[in-house]
Amino acid sequence: MSTTKSTSKTVGKGGSQRVRGQRWMDEHVADPFVLQAKKDGYRSRAAYKILELDQRDRLFRAGAVVVDLGAAPGSWSQVAATRVGATGRVVAVDLLPIDPIVNVTILRGDITTDPVIAQMDEALGGLAVDLVLSDMAPNISGIAAADSARQAGLVELAIEQSLRWLKPEGVLVVKMFQGVGFEDCVRQLRAAFKSVALRKPDASRGRSSETFAVARGVR
């Protein structure tokens, strides 16, 4: 009897997950930012997050040097390459493969490892960085506290790595999750940078806990 009850629960849970997955897919297909991304040639709707942040915070300039952490599938790098132009430089890195992007140097690997850091240094060619972008996120488990904690670890990583390359007046844009570790991350950002602004772009889904920090001026 207990076995039957357990099996019934499992089927019910699986059915619920399928319903949620189908609901997400239906919403995704009809999402205006998804449709616009296809029209504009961006690889994901995330492009409009960084475009809005740029409009508000003036992130890019022609000739700037940009590092894009957690860049796959590459929409932020697409925006960056267009904004900095042929005289700028964009270096993108991710554990996942990224299809080629014009005027972007793409690296694959773990940015915490010495070989990838060496590749990054080589790609930058000794140039100091104007802007570090981090849209890094963990594989989402659906458990809010666990996901927030893992994201906090990625924020700490982004801060650490950005300080390796940024100019004194440089900028870090980093994705954060509201929840466990959020306030600690804000404190770390404020300790490392002279100003920190928190943003929620229109392209960030309302139910999402993601927030973006724009941190300026290395202390």
N, C-alpha and C. Protein backbone atom coordinates (compact mmCIF):
# COMPACT_ATOMS: atom_id res chain seq x y z
N MET A 1 0.83 -1.20 0.00
CA MET A 1 0.00 0.00 0.00
C MET A 1 0.87 1.26 0.00
N SER A 2 1.91 1.27 0.83
CA SER A 2 2.78 2.42 0.89
C SER A 2 3.52 2.62 -0.43
N THR A 3 3.86 1.49 -1.10
CA THR A 3 4.54 1.59 -2.38
C THR A 3 3.65 2.25 -3.41
N THR A 4 2.38 1.85 -3.45
CA THR A 4 1.44 2.44 -4.39
C THR A 4 1.28 3.93 -4.14
N LYS A 5 1.18 4.30 -2.86
CA LYS A 5 1.03 5.70 -2.50
C LYS A 5 2.24 6.50 -2.95
N SER A 6 3.43 5.93 -2.73
CA SER A 6 4.66 6.61 -3.12
C SER A 6 4.72 6.80 -4.63
N THR A 7 4.34 5.74 -5.38
CA THR A 7 4.36 5.84 -6.83
C THR A 7 3.39 6.89 -7.31
N SER A 8 2.23 6.95 -6.69
CA SER A 8 1.23 7.94 -7.07
C SER A 8 1.76 9.36 -6.88
N LYS A 9 2.46 9.59 -5.77
CA LYS A 9 3.03 10.90 -5.52
C LYS A 9 4.07 11.25 -6.57
N THR A 10 4.89 10.26 -6.94
CA THR A 10 5.93 10.51 -7.92
C THR A 10 5.33 10.91 -9.26
N VAL A 11 4.29 10.18 -9.68
CA VAL A 11 3.64 10.50 -10.94
C VAL A 11 3.04 11.89 -10.88
N GLY A 12 2.40 12.20 -9.75
CA GLY A 12 1.79 13.51 -9.59
C GLY A 12 2.82 14.62 -9.67
N LYS A 13 3.94 14.41 -9.03
CA LYS A 13 5.00 15.41 -9.04
C LYS A 13 5.54 15.59 -10.46
N GLY A 14 5.75 14.46 -11.13
CA GLY A 14 6.25 14.55 -12.49
C GLY A 14 5.27 15.26 -13.40
N GLY A 15 3.97 14.96 -13.21
CA GLY A 15 2.95 15.64 -14.00
C GLY A 15 2.95 17.13 -13.75
N SER A 16 3.12 17.51 -12.48
CA SER A 16 3.16 18.93 -12.13
C SER A 16 4.36 19.61 -12.77
N GLN A 17 5.51 18.93 -12.78
CA GLN A 17 6.71 19.50 -13.40
C GLN A 17 6.51 19.68 -14.90
N ARG A 18 5.82 18.70 -15.52
CA ARG A 18 5.57 18.83 -16.96
C ARG A 18 4.64 20.00 -17.25
N VAL A 19 3.66 20.19 -16.40
CA VAL A 19 2.74 21.31 -16.57
C VAL A 19 3.48 22.64 -16.45
N ARG A 20 4.35 22.74 -15.41
CA ARG A 20 5.12 23.96 -15.23
C ARG A 20 6.05 24.20 -16.41
N GLY A 21 6.67 23.10 -16.89
CA GLY A 21 7.58 23.22 -18.04
C GLY A 21 6.84 23.69 -19.28
N GLN A 22 5.65 23.15 -19.52
CA GLN A 22 4.86 23.55 -20.67
C GLN A 22 4.40 25.00 -20.54
N ARG A 23 4.04 25.39 -19.30
CA ARG A 23 3.61 26.78 -19.06
C ARG A 23 4.76 27.73 -19.35
N TRP A 24 5.98 27.35 -18.90
CA TRP A 24 7.15 28.20 -19.17
C TRP A 24 7.42 28.29 -20.66
N MET A 25 7.31 27.17 -21.37
CA MET A 25 7.58 27.17 -22.80
C MET A 25 6.58 28.03 -23.55
N ASP A 26 5.30 27.93 -23.16
CA ASP A 26 4.27 28.75 -23.80
C ASP A 26 4.56 30.23 -23.58
N GLU A 27 4.94 30.57 -22.36
CA GLU A 27 5.24 31.97 -22.03
C GLU A 27 6.48 32.43 -22.79
N HIS A 28 7.48 31.56 -22.87
CA HIS A 28 8.74 31.91 -23.53
C HIS A 28 8.51 32.20 -25.02
N VAL A 29 7.74 31.34 -25.67
CA VAL A 29 7.50 31.48 -27.11
C VAL A 29 6.78 32.79 -27.41
N ALA A 30 5.88 33.20 -26.50
CA ALA A 30 5.10 34.42 -26.71
C ALA A 30 5.77 35.66 -26.13
N ASP A 31 6.90 35.51 -25.46
CA ASP A 31 7.57 36.63 -24.80
C ASP A 31 7.98 37.67 -25.84
N PRO A 32 7.59 38.94 -25.65
CA PRO A 32 7.94 39.97 -26.64
C PRO A 32 9.44 40.18 -26.78
N PHE A 33 10.20 39.99 -25.69
CA PHE A 33 11.65 40.15 -25.78
C PHE A 33 12.27 39.00 -26.56
N VAL A 34 11.72 37.80 -26.43
CA VAL A 34 12.19 36.66 -27.22
C VAL A 34 11.94 36.91 -28.70
N LEU A 35 10.74 37.38 -29.01
CA LEU A 35 10.39 37.66 -30.40
C LEU A 35 11.26 38.77 -30.97
N GLN A 36 11.52 39.80 -30.16
CA GLN A 36 12.34 40.91 -30.62
C GLN A 36 13.79 40.48 -30.83
N ALA A 37 14.29 39.58 -29.94
CA ALA A 37 15.65 39.08 -30.07
C ALA A 37 15.83 38.35 -31.40
N LYS A 38 14.86 37.55 -31.77
CA LYS A 38 14.93 36.85 -33.06
C LYS A 38 14.95 37.85 -34.21
N LYS A 39 14.14 38.88 -34.10
CA LYS A 39 14.08 39.90 -35.15
C LYS A 39 15.38 40.67 -35.26
N ASP A 40 15.98 40.99 -34.11
CA ASP A 40 17.19 41.81 -34.10
C ASP A 40 18.48 41.00 -34.25
N GLY A 41 18.37 39.67 -34.23
CA GLY A 41 19.55 38.84 -34.43
C GLY A 41 20.35 38.57 -33.17
N TYR A 42 19.75 38.79 -31.99
CA TYR A 42 20.43 38.48 -30.74
C TYR A 42 20.19 37.03 -30.36
N ARG A 43 21.14 36.46 -29.65
CA ARG A 43 21.07 35.04 -29.31
C ARG A 43 20.11 34.75 -28.16
N SER A 44 19.80 35.74 -27.37
CA SER A 44 18.82 35.55 -26.30
C SER A 44 18.21 36.89 -25.91
N ARG A 45 17.11 36.82 -25.18
CA ARG A 45 16.42 38.02 -24.72
C ARG A 45 17.25 38.82 -23.72
N ALA A 46 18.30 38.19 -23.17
CA ALA A 46 19.15 38.88 -22.20
C ALA A 46 19.82 40.11 -22.80
N ALA A 47 19.92 40.17 -24.12
CA ALA A 47 20.52 41.34 -24.76
C ALA A 47 19.84 42.62 -24.32
N TYR A 48 18.53 42.57 -24.12
CA TYR A 48 17.79 43.79 -23.80
C TYR A 48 18.01 44.24 -22.35
N LYS A 49 18.49 43.32 -21.52
CA LYS A 49 18.85 43.72 -20.15
C LYS A 49 20.07 44.63 -20.19
N ILE A 50 21.10 44.20 -20.91
CA ILE A 50 22.32 45.00 -20.94
C ILE A 50 22.13 46.26 -21.78
N LEU A 51 21.27 46.21 -22.80
CA LEU A 51 20.97 47.41 -23.57
C LEU A 51 20.30 48.46 -22.69
N GLU A 52 19.36 48.03 -21.84
CA GLU A 52 18.69 48.97 -20.94
C GLU A 52 19.67 49.52 -19.90
N LEU A 53 20.50 48.65 -19.37
CA LEU A 53 21.50 49.11 -18.39
C LEU A 53 22.46 50.11 -19.03
N ASP A 54 22.84 49.86 -20.28
CA ASP A 54 23.73 50.78 -20.97
C ASP A 54 23.05 52.13 -21.19
N GLN A 55 21.78 52.10 -21.55
CA GLN A 55 21.06 53.35 -21.76
C GLN A 55 20.99 54.17 -20.48
N ARG A 56 20.83 53.49 -19.36
CA ARG A 56 20.69 54.20 -18.09
C ARG A 56 22.04 54.58 -17.48
N ASP A 57 23.02 53.69 -17.59
CA ASP A 57 24.28 53.87 -16.87
C ASP A 57 25.48 54.14 -17.76
N ARG A 58 25.27 54.25 -19.07
CA ARG A 58 26.36 54.59 -20.00
C ARG A 58 27.57 53.69 -19.79
N LEU A 59 27.37 52.42 -20.05
CA LEU A 59 28.40 51.42 -19.77
C LEU A 59 29.48 51.37 -20.84
N PHE A 60 29.08 51.51 -22.10
CA PHE A 60 30.00 51.28 -23.21
C PHE A 60 30.45 52.60 -23.83
N ARG A 61 31.62 52.53 -24.47
CA ARG A 61 32.09 53.63 -25.31
C ARG A 61 32.95 53.02 -26.42
N ALA A 62 33.07 53.72 -27.50
CA ALA A 62 33.90 53.25 -28.61
C ALA A 62 35.34 53.09 -28.14
N GLY A 63 35.94 51.95 -28.51
CA GLY A 63 37.33 51.69 -28.17
C GLY A 63 37.54 51.07 -26.80
N ALA A 64 36.48 50.81 -26.06
CA ALA A 64 36.60 50.26 -24.70
C ALA A 64 37.02 48.79 -24.75
N VAL A 65 37.59 48.34 -23.62
CA VAL A 65 37.99 46.94 -23.45
C VAL A 65 37.00 46.31 -22.47
N VAL A 66 36.38 45.21 -22.89
CA VAL A 66 35.29 44.58 -22.13
C VAL A 66 35.59 43.10 -21.92
N VAL A 67 35.33 42.63 -20.71
CA VAL A 67 35.39 41.20 -20.40
C VAL A 67 33.98 40.74 -20.05
N ASP A 68 33.56 39.64 -20.66
CA ASP A 68 32.21 39.09 -20.45
C ASP A 68 32.35 37.71 -19.81
N LEU A 69 32.04 37.63 -18.51
CA LEU A 69 32.13 36.37 -17.76
C LEU A 69 30.80 35.64 -17.82
N GLY A 70 30.86 34.33 -18.04
CA GLY A 70 29.62 33.56 -18.15
C GLY A 70 28.84 34.00 -19.37
N ALA A 71 29.54 34.09 -20.50
CA ALA A 71 29.01 34.80 -21.66
C ALA A 71 28.01 34.01 -22.51
N ALA A 72 28.00 32.68 -22.42
CA ALA A 72 27.13 31.88 -23.29
C ALA A 72 25.65 32.25 -23.07
N PRO A 73 24.87 32.29 -24.13
CA PRO A 73 25.20 31.98 -25.54
C PRO A 73 25.86 33.12 -26.31
N GLY A 74 25.96 34.31 -25.68
CA GLY A 74 26.74 35.36 -26.31
C GLY A 74 26.02 36.65 -26.61
N SER A 75 24.79 36.82 -26.12
CA SER A 75 24.04 38.03 -26.47
C SER A 75 24.65 39.29 -25.88
N TRP A 76 25.19 39.21 -24.64
CA TRP A 76 25.83 40.39 -24.07
C TRP A 76 27.10 40.74 -24.85
N SER A 77 27.83 39.73 -25.29
CA SER A 77 29.03 39.99 -26.10
C SER A 77 28.66 40.59 -27.45
N GLN A 78 27.54 40.17 -28.01
CA GLN A 78 27.07 40.77 -29.26
C GLN A 78 26.85 42.27 -29.08
N VAL A 79 26.16 42.63 -28.00
CA VAL A 79 25.91 44.04 -27.72
C VAL A 79 27.22 44.78 -27.49
N ALA A 80 28.10 44.18 -26.68
CA ALA A 80 29.37 44.82 -26.36
C ALA A 80 30.20 45.08 -27.61
N ALA A 81 30.29 44.08 -28.49
CA ALA A 81 31.09 44.22 -29.70
C ALA A 81 30.57 45.35 -30.58
N THR A 82 29.26 45.47 -30.67
CA THR A 82 28.67 46.54 -31.46
C THR A 82 28.96 47.90 -30.84
N ARG A 83 28.87 47.97 -29.51
CA ARG A 83 29.03 49.25 -28.82
C ARG A 83 30.49 49.74 -28.83
N VAL A 84 31.45 48.85 -28.66
CA VAL A 84 32.85 49.30 -28.58
C VAL A 84 33.47 49.47 -29.96
N GLY A 85 32.89 48.83 -30.97
CA GLY A 85 33.35 49.01 -32.33
C GLY A 85 34.67 48.30 -32.62
N ALA A 86 35.16 48.54 -33.82
CA ALA A 86 36.37 47.85 -34.30
C ALA A 86 37.61 48.23 -33.51
N THR A 87 37.60 49.41 -32.88
CA THR A 87 38.78 49.83 -32.11
C THR A 87 38.76 49.32 -30.68
N GLY A 88 37.66 48.70 -30.27
CA GLY A 88 37.56 48.14 -28.93
C GLY A 88 37.96 46.68 -28.91
N ARG A 89 37.82 46.08 -27.74
CA ARG A 89 38.15 44.66 -27.59
C ARG A 89 37.17 44.03 -26.62
N VAL A 90 36.65 42.86 -27.00
CA VAL A 90 35.73 42.10 -26.15
C VAL A 90 36.29 40.69 -26.01
N VAL A 91 36.43 40.26 -24.76
CA VAL A 91 36.87 38.89 -24.48
C VAL A 91 35.77 38.21 -23.68
N ALA A 92 35.26 37.10 -24.21
CA ALA A 92 34.16 36.38 -23.58
C ALA A 92 34.64 35.01 -23.12
N VAL A 93 34.16 34.58 -21.96
CA VAL A 93 34.57 33.28 -21.43
C VAL A 93 33.38 32.58 -20.79
N ASP A 94 33.33 31.27 -20.97
CA ASP A 94 32.27 30.46 -20.35
C ASP A 94 32.72 29.01 -20.33
N LEU A 95 32.12 28.25 -19.42
CA LEU A 95 32.34 26.81 -19.40
C LEU A 95 31.69 26.15 -20.61
N LEU A 96 30.63 26.76 -21.12
CA LEU A 96 29.89 26.23 -22.27
C LEU A 96 30.46 26.79 -23.56
N PRO A 97 30.27 26.08 -24.66
CA PRO A 97 30.75 26.59 -25.95
C PRO A 97 29.94 27.81 -26.40
N ILE A 98 30.60 28.72 -27.08
CA ILE A 98 29.95 29.91 -27.64
C ILE A 98 30.29 29.96 -29.12
N ASP A 99 29.29 30.07 -29.95
CA ASP A 99 29.54 30.20 -31.39
C ASP A 99 30.27 31.52 -31.66
N PRO A 100 31.08 31.55 -32.72
CA PRO A 100 31.87 32.76 -33.01
C PRO A 100 31.01 34.02 -33.13
N ILE A 101 31.58 35.12 -32.67
CA ILE A 101 30.96 36.45 -32.76
C ILE A 101 32.02 37.39 -33.34
N VAL A 102 31.64 38.17 -34.31
CA VAL A 102 32.57 39.10 -34.94
C VAL A 102 33.15 40.06 -33.90
N ASN A 103 34.46 40.23 -33.93
CA ASN A 103 35.19 41.14 -33.04
C ASN A 103 35.13 40.74 -31.57
N VAL A 104 34.92 39.45 -31.30
CA VAL A 104 34.93 38.95 -29.92
C VAL A 104 35.90 37.77 -29.83
N THR A 105 36.81 37.82 -28.87
CA THR A 105 37.68 36.68 -28.58
C THR A 105 36.98 35.79 -27.58
N ILE A 106 36.78 34.53 -27.95
CA ILE A 106 36.00 33.61 -27.13
C ILE A 106 36.92 32.56 -26.51
N LEU A 107 36.81 32.41 -25.20
CA LEU A 107 37.56 31.40 -24.46
C LEU A 107 36.58 30.45 -23.79
N ARG A 108 36.97 29.19 -23.72
CA ARG A 108 36.12 28.21 -23.05
C ARG A 108 36.89 27.61 -21.88
N GLY A 109 36.30 27.68 -20.69
CA GLY A 109 36.94 27.09 -19.53
C GLY A 109 36.52 27.76 -18.25
N ASP A 110 37.14 27.34 -17.17
CA ASP A 110 36.84 27.81 -15.82
C ASP A 110 37.74 29.00 -15.50
N ILE A 111 37.14 30.17 -15.31
CA ILE A 111 37.89 31.39 -15.11
C ILE A 111 38.66 31.40 -13.79
N THR A 112 38.41 30.43 -12.92
CA THR A 112 39.16 30.36 -11.66
C THR A 112 40.47 29.59 -11.81
N THR A 113 40.70 28.99 -12.98
CA THR A 113 41.91 28.16 -13.16
C THR A 113 43.03 28.97 -13.81
N ASP A 114 44.25 28.63 -13.45
CA ASP A 114 45.41 29.36 -13.97
C ASP A 114 45.51 29.34 -15.50
N PRO A 115 45.26 28.20 -16.16
CA PRO A 115 45.37 28.20 -17.63
C PRO A 115 44.40 29.17 -18.30
N VAL A 116 43.17 29.25 -17.79
CA VAL A 116 42.19 30.14 -18.41
C VAL A 116 42.52 31.60 -18.08
N ILE A 117 42.98 31.85 -16.87
CA ILE A 117 43.40 33.21 -16.52
C ILE A 117 44.55 33.65 -17.41
N ALA A 118 45.49 32.72 -17.69
CA ALA A 118 46.61 33.04 -18.59
C ALA A 118 46.11 33.33 -20.00
N GLN A 119 45.13 32.57 -20.47
CA GLN A 119 44.54 32.83 -21.78
C GLN A 119 43.86 34.19 -21.81
N MET A 120 43.19 34.53 -20.71
CA MET A 120 42.53 35.82 -20.63
C MET A 120 43.56 36.95 -20.69
N ASP A 121 44.64 36.82 -19.93
CA ASP A 121 45.69 37.83 -19.93
C ASP A 121 46.28 38.00 -21.33
N GLU A 122 46.47 36.87 -22.01
CA GLU A 122 47.02 36.92 -23.36
C GLU A 122 46.05 37.61 -24.31
N ALA A 123 44.75 37.28 -24.19
CA ALA A 123 43.74 37.88 -25.07
C ALA A 123 43.64 39.39 -24.85
N LEU A 124 43.84 39.83 -23.61
CA LEU A 124 43.77 41.26 -23.31
C LEU A 124 45.04 41.98 -23.75
N GLY A 125 46.11 41.26 -23.91
CA GLY A 125 47.34 41.86 -24.41
C GLY A 125 47.89 42.97 -23.54
N GLY A 126 47.72 42.83 -22.24
CA GLY A 126 48.25 43.83 -21.33
C GLY A 126 47.37 45.05 -21.15
N LEU A 127 46.23 45.09 -21.83
CA LEU A 127 45.33 46.24 -21.72
C LEU A 127 44.52 46.17 -20.43
N ALA A 128 44.37 47.30 -19.77
CA ALA A 128 43.47 47.36 -18.62
C ALA A 128 42.03 47.39 -19.12
N VAL A 129 41.12 46.89 -18.32
CA VAL A 129 39.73 46.68 -18.74
C VAL A 129 38.84 47.82 -18.26
N ASP A 130 37.98 48.29 -19.16
CA ASP A 130 37.03 49.34 -18.82
C ASP A 130 35.77 48.78 -18.15
N LEU A 131 35.35 47.60 -18.58
CA LEU A 131 34.05 47.08 -18.15
C LEU A 131 34.10 45.56 -18.05
N VAL A 132 33.69 45.03 -16.91
CA VAL A 132 33.51 43.59 -16.74
C VAL A 132 32.02 43.32 -16.60
N LEU A 133 31.53 42.39 -17.41
CA LEU A 133 30.13 41.97 -17.37
C LEU A 133 30.06 40.57 -16.81
N SER A 134 29.11 40.33 -15.91
CA SER A 134 28.92 38.98 -15.39
C SER A 134 27.43 38.66 -15.31
N ASP A 135 26.99 37.84 -16.26
CA ASP A 135 25.62 37.32 -16.24
C ASP A 135 25.66 35.86 -15.77
N MET A 136 26.74 35.50 -15.06
CA MET A 136 26.87 34.12 -14.57
C MET A 136 25.72 33.76 -13.66
N ALA A 137 25.27 32.52 -13.77
CA ALA A 137 24.21 32.01 -12.91
C ALA A 137 24.40 30.51 -12.74
N PRO A 138 23.99 29.97 -11.59
CA PRO A 138 24.11 28.51 -11.38
C PRO A 138 23.01 27.78 -12.12
N ASN A 139 23.15 26.48 -12.24
CA ASN A 139 22.02 25.68 -12.70
C ASN A 139 20.92 25.77 -11.66
N ILE A 140 19.76 26.25 -12.07
CA ILE A 140 18.68 26.52 -11.13
C ILE A 140 18.05 25.22 -10.64
N SER A 141 17.98 25.08 -9.31
CA SER A 141 17.39 23.88 -8.71
C SER A 141 15.91 24.06 -8.42
N GLY A 142 15.46 25.32 -8.36
CA GLY A 142 14.09 25.59 -7.96
C GLY A 142 13.94 25.81 -6.47
N ILE A 143 15.01 25.55 -5.72
CA ILE A 143 15.01 25.80 -4.27
C ILE A 143 15.62 27.18 -4.07
N ALA A 144 14.80 28.16 -3.74
CA ALA A 144 15.21 29.56 -3.75
C ALA A 144 16.44 29.82 -2.89
N ALA A 145 16.45 29.30 -1.68
CA ALA A 145 17.57 29.56 -0.77
C ALA A 145 18.88 29.00 -1.32
N ALA A 146 18.82 27.79 -1.87
CA ALA A 146 20.03 27.16 -2.42
C ALA A 146 20.51 27.91 -3.65
N ASP A 147 19.57 28.30 -4.51
CA ASP A 147 19.95 29.01 -5.73
C ASP A 147 20.57 30.37 -5.40
N SER A 148 19.99 31.07 -4.42
CA SER A 148 20.52 32.37 -4.02
C SER A 148 21.92 32.24 -3.44
N ALA A 149 22.13 31.21 -2.65
CA ALA A 149 23.45 31.00 -2.05
C ALA A 149 24.49 30.70 -3.12
N ARG A 150 24.13 29.89 -4.10
CA ARG A 150 25.08 29.59 -5.18
C ARG A 150 25.37 30.83 -6.02
N GLN A 151 24.33 31.63 -6.24
CA GLN A 151 24.54 32.86 -7.00
C GLN A 151 25.46 33.82 -6.25
N ALA A 152 25.31 33.87 -4.92
CA ALA A 152 26.18 34.73 -4.12
C ALA A 152 27.65 34.34 -4.31
N GLY A 153 27.91 33.05 -4.42
CA GLY A 153 29.27 32.60 -4.67
C GLY A 153 29.79 33.07 -6.02
N LEU A 154 28.92 33.12 -7.02
CA LEU A 154 29.33 33.60 -8.34
C LEU A 154 29.56 35.11 -8.33
N VAL A 155 28.78 35.82 -7.53
CA VAL A 155 29.01 37.27 -7.40
C VAL A 155 30.38 37.52 -6.79
N GLU A 156 30.71 36.78 -5.75
CA GLU A 156 32.03 36.91 -5.12
C GLU A 156 33.13 36.63 -6.14
N LEU A 157 32.93 35.61 -6.96
CA LEU A 157 33.91 35.28 -8.00
C LEU A 157 34.04 36.43 -9.00
N ALA A 158 32.92 37.01 -9.41
CA ALA A 158 32.96 38.11 -10.38
C ALA A 158 33.71 39.31 -9.80
N ILE A 159 33.48 39.61 -8.53
CA ILE A 159 34.19 40.72 -7.89
C ILE A 159 35.69 40.45 -7.89
N GLU A 160 36.05 39.26 -7.45
CA GLU A 160 37.47 38.89 -7.36
C GLU A 160 38.16 38.99 -8.71
N GLN A 161 37.52 38.42 -9.74
CA GLN A 161 38.16 38.41 -11.05
C GLN A 161 38.17 39.80 -11.68
N SER A 162 37.13 40.58 -11.47
CA SER A 162 37.08 41.92 -12.07
C SER A 162 38.20 42.80 -11.53
N LEU A 163 38.51 42.66 -10.25
CA LEU A 163 39.57 43.47 -9.66
C LEU A 163 40.94 43.13 -10.23
N ARG A 164 41.04 41.96 -10.84
CA ARG A 164 42.30 41.56 -11.47
C ARG A 164 42.60 42.41 -12.70
N TRP A 165 41.55 42.84 -13.42
CA TRP A 165 41.75 43.48 -14.73
C TRP A 165 41.26 44.92 -14.84
N LEU A 166 40.35 45.34 -14.00
CA LEU A 166 39.71 46.64 -14.18
C LEU A 166 40.65 47.83 -13.98
N LYS A 167 40.43 48.88 -14.76
CA LYS A 167 41.06 50.17 -14.52
C LYS A 167 40.51 50.75 -13.22
N PRO A 168 41.23 51.70 -12.61
CA PRO A 168 40.71 52.31 -11.39
C PRO A 168 39.30 52.89 -11.54
N GLU A 169 39.01 53.42 -12.74
CA GLU A 169 37.67 53.99 -12.98
C GLU A 169 36.73 52.99 -13.64
N GLY A 170 37.12 51.72 -13.67
CA GLY A 170 36.35 50.69 -14.36
C GLY A 170 35.02 50.37 -13.70
N VAL A 171 34.21 49.60 -14.44
CA VAL A 171 32.85 49.27 -14.03
C VAL A 171 32.64 47.75 -14.06
N LEU A 172 31.94 47.25 -13.06
CA LEU A 172 31.50 45.85 -13.02
C LEU A 172 29.98 45.82 -13.04
N VAL A 173 29.42 45.05 -13.96
CA VAL A 173 27.98 44.77 -13.97
C VAL A 173 27.81 43.30 -13.65
N VAL A 174 27.09 42.99 -12.57
CA VAL A 174 27.01 41.61 -12.12
C VAL A 174 25.58 41.24 -11.73
N LYS A 175 25.16 40.05 -12.15
CA LYS A 175 23.83 39.56 -11.79
C LYS A 175 23.83 39.02 -10.37
N MET A 176 22.76 39.36 -9.62
CA MET A 176 22.59 38.89 -8.26
C MET A 176 21.18 38.34 -8.11
N PHE A 177 20.98 37.50 -7.10
CA PHE A 177 19.64 37.01 -6.77
C PHE A 177 19.25 37.55 -5.40
N GLN A 178 18.04 38.09 -5.31
CA GLN A 178 17.52 38.46 -4.00
C GLN A 178 17.37 37.20 -3.15
N GLY A 179 17.77 37.26 -1.89
CA GLY A 179 17.66 36.10 -1.02
C GLY A 179 18.92 35.89 -0.22
N VAL A 180 19.23 34.63 0.05
CA VAL A 180 20.39 34.29 0.87
C VAL A 180 21.67 34.86 0.26
N GLY A 181 22.40 35.61 1.06
CA GLY A 181 23.69 36.14 0.63
C GLY A 181 23.62 37.45 -0.11
N PHE A 182 22.41 37.93 -0.42
CA PHE A 182 22.29 39.15 -1.23
C PHE A 182 22.92 40.36 -0.53
N GLU A 183 22.55 40.58 0.72
CA GLU A 183 23.07 41.75 1.43
C GLU A 183 24.58 41.66 1.62
N ASP A 184 25.08 40.45 1.83
CA ASP A 184 26.54 40.28 1.94
C ASP A 184 27.23 40.67 0.64
N CYS A 185 26.62 40.29 -0.48
CA CYS A 185 27.20 40.64 -1.78
C CYS A 185 27.20 42.15 -1.98
N VAL A 186 26.12 42.82 -1.58
CA VAL A 186 26.07 44.28 -1.70
C VAL A 186 27.18 44.91 -0.86
N ARG A 187 27.38 44.38 0.34
CA ARG A 187 28.45 44.92 1.19
C ARG A 187 29.82 44.70 0.56
N GLN A 188 30.03 43.54 -0.03
CA GLN A 188 31.32 43.28 -0.69
C GLN A 188 31.54 44.22 -1.86
N LEU A 189 30.49 44.47 -2.62
CA LEU A 189 30.60 45.39 -3.75
C LEU A 189 30.94 46.79 -3.27
N ARG A 190 30.27 47.23 -2.21
CA ARG A 190 30.51 48.58 -1.70
C ARG A 190 31.88 48.72 -1.07
N ALA A 191 32.43 47.60 -0.59
CA ALA A 191 33.79 47.64 -0.05
C ALA A 191 34.83 47.71 -1.16
N ALA A 192 34.50 47.15 -2.34
CA ALA A 192 35.46 47.09 -3.44
C ALA A 192 35.33 48.24 -4.43
N PHE A 193 34.12 48.88 -4.47
CA PHE A 193 33.87 49.93 -5.46
C PHE A 193 33.34 51.19 -4.78
N LYS A 194 33.56 52.31 -5.43
CA LYS A 194 33.17 53.60 -4.85
C LYS A 194 31.67 53.84 -4.90
N SER A 195 31.00 53.32 -5.92
CA SER A 195 29.55 53.47 -6.00
C SER A 195 28.92 52.19 -6.52
N VAL A 196 27.74 51.85 -5.99
CA VAL A 196 27.02 50.64 -6.38
C VAL A 196 25.55 51.00 -6.55
N ALA A 197 25.01 50.73 -7.73
CA ALA A 197 23.59 50.95 -8.00
C ALA A 197 22.94 49.62 -8.33
N LEU A 198 21.74 49.38 -7.83
CA LEU A 198 21.01 48.15 -8.09
C LEU A 198 19.91 48.42 -9.11
N ARG A 199 19.83 47.56 -10.11
CA ARG A 199 18.90 47.76 -11.22
C ARG A 199 18.07 46.50 -11.48
N LYS A 200 16.85 46.73 -11.97
CA LYS A 200 15.96 45.64 -12.40
C LYS A 200 15.43 46.01 -13.79
N PRO A 201 16.12 45.57 -14.85
CA PRO A 201 15.69 45.94 -16.21
C PRO A 201 14.30 45.40 -16.54
N ASP A 202 13.62 46.08 -17.46
CA ASP A 202 12.29 45.63 -17.88
C ASP A 202 12.33 44.23 -18.47
N ALA A 203 13.44 43.88 -19.11
CA ALA A 203 13.55 42.56 -19.73
C ALA A 203 13.75 41.44 -18.71
N SER A 204 14.00 41.80 -17.46
CA SER A 204 14.09 40.79 -16.40
C SER A 204 12.68 40.43 -15.97
N ARG A 205 12.33 39.17 -16.08
CA ARG A 205 10.95 38.76 -15.79
C ARG A 205 10.56 39.16 -14.37
N GLY A 206 9.32 39.61 -14.23
CA GLY A 206 8.85 40.12 -12.95
C GLY A 206 8.97 39.14 -11.81
N ARG A 207 8.73 37.86 -12.09
CA ARG A 207 8.78 36.86 -11.02
C ARG A 207 10.21 36.45 -10.68
N SER A 208 11.17 36.87 -11.51
CA SER A 208 12.56 36.50 -11.27
C SER A 208 13.13 37.30 -10.12
N SER A 209 13.97 36.66 -9.32
CA SER A 209 14.62 37.34 -8.19
C SER A 209 15.90 38.04 -8.62
N GLU A 210 16.24 38.00 -9.91
CA GLU A 210 17.50 38.59 -10.34
C GLU A 210 17.48 40.11 -10.26
N THR A 211 18.61 40.64 -9.86
CA THR A 211 18.87 42.07 -9.80
C THR A 211 20.28 42.27 -10.33
N PHE A 212 20.54 43.40 -10.96
CA PHE A 212 21.88 43.67 -11.48
C PHE A 212 22.50 44.82 -10.70
N ALA A 213 23.75 44.61 -10.30
CA ALA A 213 24.50 45.66 -9.65
C ALA A 213 25.44 46.30 -10.66
N VAL A 214 25.46 47.63 -10.68
CA VAL A 214 26.41 48.39 -11.49
C VAL A 214 27.37 49.06 -10.52
N ALA A 215 28.59 48.56 -10.47
CA ALA A 215 29.58 49.02 -9.50
C ALA A 215 30.69 49.79 -10.24
N ARG A 216 30.98 51.00 -9.77
CA ARG A 216 31.93 51.90 -10.47
C ARG A 216 33.07 52.30 -9.56
N GLY A 217 34.26 52.41 -10.16
CA GLY A 217 35.40 52.98 -9.46
C GLY A 217 36.00 52.06 -8.41
N VAL A 218 37.10 51.42 -8.77
CA VAL A 218 37.75 50.47 -7.85
C VAL A 218 38.36 51.25 -6.68
N ARG A 219 38.08 50.80 -5.47
CA ARG A 219 38.65 51.44 -4.29
C ARG A 219 40.14 51.07 -4.14
